Amino acid sequence: MPKPLTPLESATLATIAATQSESDGWLDLTRVCSRTGRHLVDVRQAVARLVRYGLVAIDEEAPRTERWLRFHLPTHAPETR
């Protein structure tokens, strides 16, 4: 039986889903920090768990920083180049 999402994981997933279309998949993780009151390291760990659960995927070809990541949801295939 899968483990339920933590409140932080749930808030992170909701933010990713809500901003997916408006930001072309890019997410400023500090946006989640502001909404949840959690530190960036906690949000990054929540993202890693969401990736392991298969709920989101990180665009491996896109450049990354500590603050910015490019996501796609499993129902949205990444654009082919």
Protein backbone atom coordinates (compact mmCIF):
# COMPACT_ATOMS: atom_id res chain seq x y z
CA MET A 1 0.00 0.00 0.00
CA PRO A 2 1.48 3.38 -1.00
CA LYS A 3 2.35 5.85 1.73
CA PRO A 4 0.11 8.95 1.83
CA LEU A 5 1.66 12.25 0.84
CA THR A 6 2.89 14.53 3.58
CA PRO A 7 1.38 18.03 3.74
CA LEU A 8 4.58 19.42 2.19
CA GLU A 9 4.55 16.88 -0.65
CA SER A 10 0.88 17.62 -1.26
CA ALA A 11 1.47 21.38 -1.32
CA THR A 12 4.46 20.95 -3.64
CA LEU A 13 2.49 18.76 -6.05
CA ALA A 14 -0.42 21.22 -6.01
CA THR A 15 1.93 24.12 -6.81
CA ILE A 16 3.55 22.19 -9.65
CA ALA A 17 0.15 21.29 -11.11
CA ALA A 18 -1.20 24.83 -10.73
CA THR A 19 1.78 26.50 -12.39
CA GLN A 20 2.55 23.88 -15.04
CA SER A 21 0.81 25.65 -17.92
CA GLU A 22 1.64 29.23 -16.98
CA SER A 23 5.37 28.73 -16.58
CA ASP A 24 6.16 26.22 -19.34
CA GLY A 25 7.05 23.67 -16.67
CA TRP A 26 9.52 25.85 -14.78
CA LEU A 27 9.02 26.22 -11.06
CA ASP A 28 10.78 28.51 -8.64
CA LEU A 29 10.99 26.28 -5.56
CA THR A 30 11.04 29.32 -3.30
CA ARG A 31 7.41 29.79 -4.34
CA VAL A 32 6.62 26.55 -2.50
CA CYS A 33 8.78 27.73 0.41
CA SER A 34 6.70 30.91 0.66
CA ARG A 35 3.40 29.03 0.56
CA THR A 36 4.40 26.39 3.10
CA GLY A 37 6.84 28.22 5.38
CA ARG A 38 9.43 25.47 4.82
CA HIS A 39 13.11 25.75 3.94
CA LEU A 40 14.38 25.19 0.42
CA VAL A 41 16.18 21.97 1.40
CA ASP A 42 12.88 20.53 2.71
CA VAL A 43 11.09 21.43 -0.51
CA ARG A 44 13.87 19.87 -2.62
CA GLN A 45 13.55 16.65 -0.58
CA ALA A 46 9.78 16.67 -1.11
CA VAL A 47 10.34 17.06 -4.86
CA ALA A 48 12.75 14.12 -4.84
CA ARG A 49 10.12 11.97 -3.12
CA LEU A 50 7.46 13.03 -5.65
CA VAL A 51 9.83 12.01 -8.46
CA ARG A 52 10.43 8.63 -6.78
CA TYR A 53 6.66 8.14 -6.42
CA GLY A 54 6.29 8.81 -10.15
CA LEU A 55 3.96 11.78 -9.62
CA VAL A 56 6.23 14.29 -11.36
CA ALA A 57 9.30 14.09 -13.55
CA ILE A 58 12.18 16.49 -13.85
CA ASP A 59 13.30 17.51 -17.32
CA GLU A 60 16.83 16.12 -17.25
CA GLU A 61 17.91 18.15 -20.30
CA ALA A 62 16.94 21.51 -18.81
CA PRO A 63 19.52 23.44 -16.81
CA ARG A 64 18.93 23.33 -13.04
CA THR A 65 19.84 25.45 -10.10
CA GLU A 66 19.13 25.09 -6.38
CA ARG A 67 16.06 27.24 -6.88
CA TRP A 68 14.69 26.44 -10.37
CA LEU A 69 13.64 23.10 -11.85
CA ARG A 70 11.69 22.19 -14.96
CA PHE A 71 8.96 19.63 -14.42
CA HIS A 72 6.42 17.73 -16.37
CA LEU A 73 3.53 15.76 -15.00
CA PRO A 74 3.15 12.14 -16.19
CA THR A 75 0.11 13.13 -18.28
CA HIS A 76 2.20 15.78 -20.07
CA ALA A 77 4.95 14.38 -22.25
CA PRO A 78 8.01 16.62 -22.59
CA GLU A 79 8.39 18.43 -25.88
CA THR A 80 10.59 16.72 -28.43
CA ARG A 81 13.44 18.75 -29.83
